[in-house]
Protein backbone atom coordinates (compact mmCIF):
# COMPACT_ATOMS: atom_id res chain seq x y z
CA UNK A 1 109.19 108.48 85.78
CA UNK A 2 109.90 105.26 88.31
CA UNK A 3 106.89 105.77 90.83
CA UNK A 4 109.02 103.39 93.50
CA UNK A 5 111.94 106.02 93.32
CA UNK A 6 112.83 108.27 96.45
CA UNK A 7 111.25 112.15 95.24
CA UNK A 8 112.32 113.84 98.41
CA UNK A 9 115.88 114.08 98.22
CA UNK A 10 116.17 117.93 98.24
CA UNK A 11 113.33 118.44 100.32
CA UNK A 12 114.15 119.04 104.01
CA UNK A 13 111.20 120.76 105.26
CA UNK A 14 107.58 119.88 106.31
CA UNK A 15 107.87 116.74 104.00
CA UNK A 16 107.26 112.75 105.02
CA UNK A 17 107.58 110.17 102.42
CA UNK A 18 106.89 106.49 102.86
CA UNK A 19 106.50 103.13 101.06
CA UNK A 20 103.75 100.36 101.76
CA UNK A 21 105.19 97.23 101.19
CA UNK A 22 102.18 94.52 101.86
CA UNK A 23 102.20 90.39 101.78
CA UNK A 24 99.55 88.34 102.44
CA UNK A 25 100.50 84.45 102.70
CA UNK A 26 97.08 82.82 103.12
CA UNK A 27 98.86 79.33 103.38
CA UNK A 28 100.69 80.15 106.49
CA UNK A 29 97.72 82.75 107.97
CA UNK A 30 99.71 85.54 107.54
CA UNK A 31 99.58 89.42 106.43
CA UNK A 32 102.76 91.30 107.14
CA UNK A 33 102.97 95.52 105.95
CA UNK A 34 106.27 97.19 106.19
CA UNK A 35 106.29 101.04 105.98
CA UNK A 36 109.84 102.35 105.65
CA UNK A 37 110.17 106.26 105.20
CA UNK A 38 111.32 109.68 106.29
CA UNK A 39 109.77 112.56 108.00
CA UNK A 40 111.26 116.48 107.97
CA UNK A 41 108.77 118.00 110.77
CA UNK A 42 110.04 119.83 114.08
CA UNK A 43 112.50 116.85 113.98
CA UNK A 44 113.81 114.79 110.93
CA UNK A 45 113.78 111.36 111.21
CA UNK A 46 113.63 108.11 109.23
CA UNK A 47 111.73 104.71 110.30
CA UNK A 48 110.72 101.54 109.62
CA UNK A 49 106.78 100.54 110.82
CA UNK A 50 105.06 97.23 110.92
CA UNK A 51 101.86 95.73 110.89
CA UNK A 52 101.55 91.73 111.14
CA UNK A 53 98.85 89.42 111.81
CA UNK A 54 100.01 85.98 112.18
CA UNK A 55 98.05 83.03 112.98
CA UNK A 56 95.09 85.58 114.86
CA UNK A 57 97.76 87.36 116.75
CA UNK A 58 98.88 91.10 115.54
CA UNK A 59 101.72 92.86 116.17
CA UNK A 60 102.71 96.34 115.37
CA UNK A 61 105.37 99.00 115.93
CA UNK A 62 107.71 101.62 114.86
CA UNK A 63 111.68 101.76 114.68
CA UNK A 64 112.69 105.73 114.65
CA UNK A 65 116.37 106.20 113.26
CA UNK A 66 118.42 109.77 112.80
CA UNK A 67 117.32 110.75 108.94
CA UNK A 68 120.91 110.56 108.01
CA UNK A 69 120.49 106.85 108.52
CA UNK A 70 118.49 106.75 105.11
CA UNK A 71 119.96 106.43 102.41
CA UNK A 72 118.93 105.74 98.00
CA UNK A 73 121.73 103.76 96.36
CA UNK A 74 121.93 102.30 92.92
CA UNK A 75 119.77 102.23 90.02
CA UNK A 76 117.40 100.74 89.77
CA UNK A 77 116.89 102.50 93.72
CA UNK A 78 117.44 100.49 96.41
CA UNK A 79 116.21 102.05 100.33
CA UNK A 80 118.30 101.60 102.77
CA UNK A 81 117.71 101.93 106.53
CA UNK A 82 119.74 100.00 109.41
CA UNK A 83 119.33 96.22 108.85
CA UNK A 84 116.61 96.83 106.08
CA UNK A 85 116.75 97.42 102.56
CA UNK A 86 114.27 97.44 99.83
CA UNK A 87 114.11 97.61 96.14
CA UNK A 88 111.61 96.43 93.13
CA UNK A 89 113.14 92.86 93.65
CA UNK A 90 112.53 92.00 97.02
CA UNK A 91 112.77 93.47 100.59
CA UNK A 92 114.71 92.05 103.58
CA UNK A 93 115.48 92.92 107.02
CA UNK A 94 115.77 92.52 111.04
CA UNK A 95 113.20 94.94 113.31
CA UNK A 96 113.76 94.41 116.59
CA UNK A 97 112.00 96.59 119.19
CA UNK A 98 110.96 96.18 122.86
CA UNK A 99 108.02 93.61 122.13
CA UNK A 100 108.79 91.79 118.69
CA UNK A 101 111.73 90.71 116.57
CA UNK A 102 110.72 90.23 112.77
CA UNK A 103 113.21 88.87 110.42
CA UNK A 104 112.37 88.79 106.79
CA UNK A 105 113.71 88.27 103.29
CA UNK A 106 111.21 88.48 100.37
CA UNK A 107 111.59 88.21 97.01
CA UNK A 108 109.26 89.91 94.73
CA UNK A 109 107.71 88.64 91.02
CA UNK A 110 106.58 90.68 88.16
CA UNK A 111 104.71 93.93 89.12
CA UNK A 112 101.12 94.46 88.07
CA UNK A 113 101.55 98.77 87.74
CA UNK A 114 98.37 100.91 86.52
CA UNK A 115 98.25 102.61 83.19
CA UNK A 116 100.25 106.16 83.12
CA UNK A 117 99.40 108.81 80.34
CA UNK A 118 99.98 112.45 80.17
CA UNK A 119 96.92 113.23 81.63
CA UNK A 120 97.89 110.82 84.50
CA UNK A 121 100.95 110.21 84.86
CA UNK A 122 99.74 108.47 88.52
CA UNK A 123 96.98 107.55 90.14
CA UNK A 124 96.45 111.43 91.41
CA UNK A 125 95.66 112.16 87.87
CA UNK A 126 96.17 115.48 86.59
CA UNK A 127 96.41 116.63 90.42
CA UNK A 128 100.08 115.04 90.01
CA UNK A 129 101.24 118.42 88.47
CA UNK A 130 99.79 120.33 91.53
CA UNK A 131 101.96 120.37 94.89
CA UNK A 132 99.35 118.28 96.95
CA UNK A 133 99.16 118.33 100.57
CA UNK A 134 99.36 114.11 99.91
CA UNK A 135 100.45 112.93 96.88
CA UNK A 136 99.91 109.01 96.30
CA UNK A 137 101.61 106.14 93.94
CA UNK A 138 100.49 102.64 93.15
CA UNK A 139 103.64 100.91 92.15
CA UNK A 140 102.23 97.27 92.32
CA UNK A 141 98.62 96.04 92.44
CA UNK A 142 99.80 92.70 92.59
CA UNK A 143 102.85 90.49 92.43
CA UNK A 144 104.16 87.47 93.29
CA UNK A 145 106.08 87.00 96.73
CA UNK A 146 108.28 84.44 97.70
CA UNK A 147 111.02 83.73 100.85
CA UNK A 148 110.67 83.27 104.79
CA UNK A 149 109.69 85.06 107.75
CA UNK A 150 110.53 84.68 111.09
CA UNK A 151 107.94 86.52 113.62
CA UNK A 152 109.59 86.48 117.09
CA UNK A 153 111.58 83.29 116.51
CA UNK A 154 108.67 81.15 114.70
CA UNK A 155 110.06 80.40 110.44
CA UNK A 156 107.34 81.03 108.01
CA UNK A 157 108.14 79.65 104.65
CA UNK A 158 106.35 81.85 102.05
CA UNK A 159 105.61 80.05 98.45
CA UNK A 160 102.62 81.45 97.39
CA UNK A 161 102.64 85.26 98.92
CA UNK A 162 100.60 88.16 97.05
CA UNK A 163 102.40 91.32 97.16
CA UNK A 164 101.29 95.01 97.18
CA UNK A 165 103.05 98.12 97.17
CA UNK A 166 102.10 101.98 97.23
CA UNK A 167 103.47 105.12 98.26
CA UNK A 168 102.51 108.57 100.06
CA UNK A 169 104.61 112.03 100.03
CA UNK A 170 104.09 115.30 100.90
CA UNK A 171 103.32 117.76 104.04
CA UNK A 172 100.42 115.68 105.71
CA UNK A 173 97.83 113.34 105.46
CA UNK A 174 93.94 114.10 104.94
CA UNK A 175 92.38 115.19 107.90
CA UNK A 176 89.84 112.23 107.19
CA UNK A 177 89.95 109.57 104.62
CA UNK A 178 88.80 105.62 104.18
CA UNK A 179 91.04 103.36 102.26
CA UNK A 180 91.08 99.60 101.84
CA UNK A 181 93.33 97.28 99.49
CA UNK A 182 92.98 94.01 98.65
CA UNK A 183 94.60 91.29 95.80
CA UNK A 184 93.25 87.71 97.78
CA UNK A 185 90.25 87.28 96.70
CA UNK A 186 88.98 83.72 97.19
CA UNK A 187 86.93 83.73 94.01
CA UNK A 188 89.61 84.82 91.80
CA UNK A 189 93.37 85.03 92.57
CA UNK A 190 94.43 87.73 89.51
CA UNK A 191 91.93 90.43 91.06
CA UNK A 192 93.11 93.11 92.98
CA UNK A 193 91.90 96.36 94.52
CA UNK A 194 92.33 99.87 95.73
CA UNK A 195 90.68 102.38 97.22
CA UNK A 196 91.03 105.74 98.94
CA UNK A 197 88.78 108.57 99.83
CA UNK A 198 89.57 111.84 101.79
CA UNK A 199 89.09 115.11 102.58
CA UNK A 200 91.06 117.31 100.14
CA UNK A 201 92.07 120.54 101.14
CA UNK A 202 94.35 122.92 99.38
CA UNK A 203 94.28 126.67 99.13
CA UNK A 204 90.62 127.52 98.11
CA UNK A 205 90.34 123.68 97.11
CA UNK A 206 88.12 122.00 99.83
CA UNK A 207 86.07 118.34 98.70
CA UNK A 208 86.03 114.70 98.87
CA UNK A 209 88.20 113.11 96.52
CA UNK A 210 88.39 109.55 95.48
CA UNK A 211 90.97 107.59 93.35
CA UNK A 212 90.15 103.65 93.16
CA UNK A 213 91.85 100.71 90.75
CA UNK A 214 89.92 97.56 90.87
CA UNK A 215 91.96 95.51 88.40
CA UNK A 216 90.25 92.33 87.35
CA UNK A 217 93.07 90.26 86.18
CA UNK A 218 93.22 91.62 82.86
CA UNK A 219 91.90 95.09 82.68
CA UNK A 220 92.42 98.48 84.79
CA UNK A 221 88.87 100.09 85.93
CA UNK A 222 89.62 103.21 87.41
CA UNK A 223 87.59 105.26 89.29
CA UNK A 224 88.71 109.05 90.16
CA UNK A 225 87.19 112.54 91.04
CA UNK A 226 89.29 113.57 87.54
CA UNK A 227 87.14 111.28 85.75
CA UNK A 228 83.92 112.36 87.06
CA UNK A 229 83.34 109.35 89.45
CA UNK A 230 80.63 110.00 91.57
CA UNK A 231 81.05 108.42 95.42
CA UNK A 232 78.91 107.64 98.41
CA UNK A 233 80.67 106.38 101.89
CA UNK A 234 78.79 105.07 104.56
CA UNK A 235 79.68 104.27 108.19
CA UNK A 236 78.26 102.01 110.74
CA UNK A 237 80.34 102.89 114.11
CA UNK A 238 78.70 100.41 116.07
CA UNK A 239 79.78 97.35 113.89
CA UNK A 240 83.12 99.14 112.69
CA UNK A 241 82.56 98.53 109.09
CA UNK A 242 82.08 101.06 105.98
CA UNK A 243 80.32 100.87 102.36
CA UNK A 244 81.85 102.44 99.44
CA UNK A 245 79.95 102.90 96.06
CA UNK A 246 81.77 104.56 93.38
CA UNK A 247 79.53 105.18 90.01
CA UNK A 248 81.37 106.02 86.51
CA UNK A 249 79.02 106.46 83.74
CA UNK A 250 79.34 102.25 82.43
CA UNK A 251 80.79 101.03 85.72
CA UNK A 252 79.84 101.01 89.53
CA UNK A 253 82.01 99.64 91.96
CA UNK A 254 80.77 98.73 95.66
CA UNK A 255 82.82 97.80 98.34
CA UNK A 256 82.02 96.63 101.65
CA UNK A 257 84.78 96.32 104.52
CA UNK A 258 84.46 95.24 108.29
CA UNK A 259 87.11 96.43 110.34
CA UNK A 260 89.15 93.79 112.42
CA UNK A 261 92.68 92.98 114.16
CA UNK A 262 93.26 97.02 114.13
CA UNK A 263 96.68 97.74 115.41
CA UNK A 264 98.29 101.65 115.69
CA UNK A 265 100.59 102.76 113.23
CA UNK A 266 102.09 106.60 113.08
CA UNK A 267 101.05 109.21 110.45
CA UNK A 268 102.04 112.18 109.43
CA UNK A 269 99.45 115.04 110.41
CA UNK A 270 99.65 118.65 110.42
CA UNK A 271 103.44 119.24 110.19
CA UNK A 272 103.84 116.23 112.48
CA UNK A 273 105.18 112.78 112.23
CA UNK A 274 102.67 111.54 115.62
CA UNK A 275 99.09 110.86 114.67
CA UNK A 276 98.03 107.63 115.74
CA UNK A 277 95.72 105.89 113.66
CA UNK A 278 94.28 102.17 113.61
CA UNK A 279 94.68 100.43 110.32
CA UNK A 280 93.89 96.21 109.75
CA UNK A 281 95.84 93.82 107.29
CA UNK A 282 93.44 91.12 108.50
CA UNK A 283 89.98 92.17 107.50
CA UNK A 284 86.91 91.10 105.59
CA UNK A 285 86.25 93.11 102.27
CA UNK A 286 83.36 92.30 99.74
CA UNK A 287 82.91 93.74 96.25
CA UNK A 288 80.74 93.73 93.51
CA UNK A 289 81.75 95.02 90.54
CA UNK A 290 79.25 96.02 87.69
CA UNK A 291 79.75 96.84 84.24
CA UNK A 292 77.29 97.52 81.68
CA UNK A 293 79.30 95.14 79.35
CA UNK A 294 79.26 92.67 81.62
CA UNK A 295 77.88 90.36 83.92
CA UNK A 296 78.63 91.55 87.74
CA UNK A 297 81.09 90.40 89.48
CA UNK A 298 81.03 89.09 93.13
CA UNK A 299 84.48 89.10 95.63
CA UNK A 300 85.50 88.29 99.05
CA UNK A 301 88.69 87.72 100.91
CA UNK A 302 89.36 87.93 104.80
CA UNK A 303 92.87 89.44 104.21
CA UNK A 304 92.18 92.70 103.12
CA UNK A 305 93.68 95.92 104.14
CA UNK A 306 91.83 98.88 105.92
CA UNK A 307 92.30 102.39 107.52
CA UNK A 308 88.81 104.28 108.84
CA UNK A 309 90.37 107.90 110.07
CA UNK A 310 87.78 110.82 111.14
CA UNK A 311 85.26 109.90 109.08
């Protein structure tokens, strides 16, 4: 199946589904994340959230619509909300709330998807075959982005942007988790990273689960609980940073995240779309990737996205 496509067409109770569409334009010091979606809880709604850092200033907000204002049209699919459309070719819209007006028209290049097999049809691996509280999809680890963005009337022309798209769907976010993403590394503009470590609670299951991909621009390196990955998370609250260490038999991934420029977003938690979390789209991420067959890679970026929730 196409992992981009909307999967909740016939679900009307205790369900959310949302896309996370991020663009980095380091030439103009712009980071922007757009999050369209639907939520079916005590109140049914559709929405678009935004999180932007532009020239050192951060902006975030949520525009809410009735559920019936969300639609899916065409094949391949286009996600449509009032003054907002998203498909695999790009995103266009105009978002206005009490504080900001954001207008954008962005074209996407060729996606970098992750590998899919019968055992692992998505980043969730064999857990994709279960009805999990929160299922995740990685749509594109990296793709080019061009176009224009207006941030409160100031025009930004993007010629060399980097994009990333993922999705979440289910009934609730994990009660605690760390999440990080980056594909704008100073040392290698082809490399990309996604990782999530979360408390998984489903029926009798209760464990810390890991899903992560480091793509070196040529090869995908996956770390996941279903592949036997061992994980360690260390949080330094005083410095507002965390470290994640992932180990496979022949590979090791160490990621250091310093949270900065955090803004508020609303997440689905415990059957309501009202849980405030902090997310950054402009933060420092350093990684070290060690492979028994190759020399270790050290990569850094100032344009990482990250969350630290209840850890």
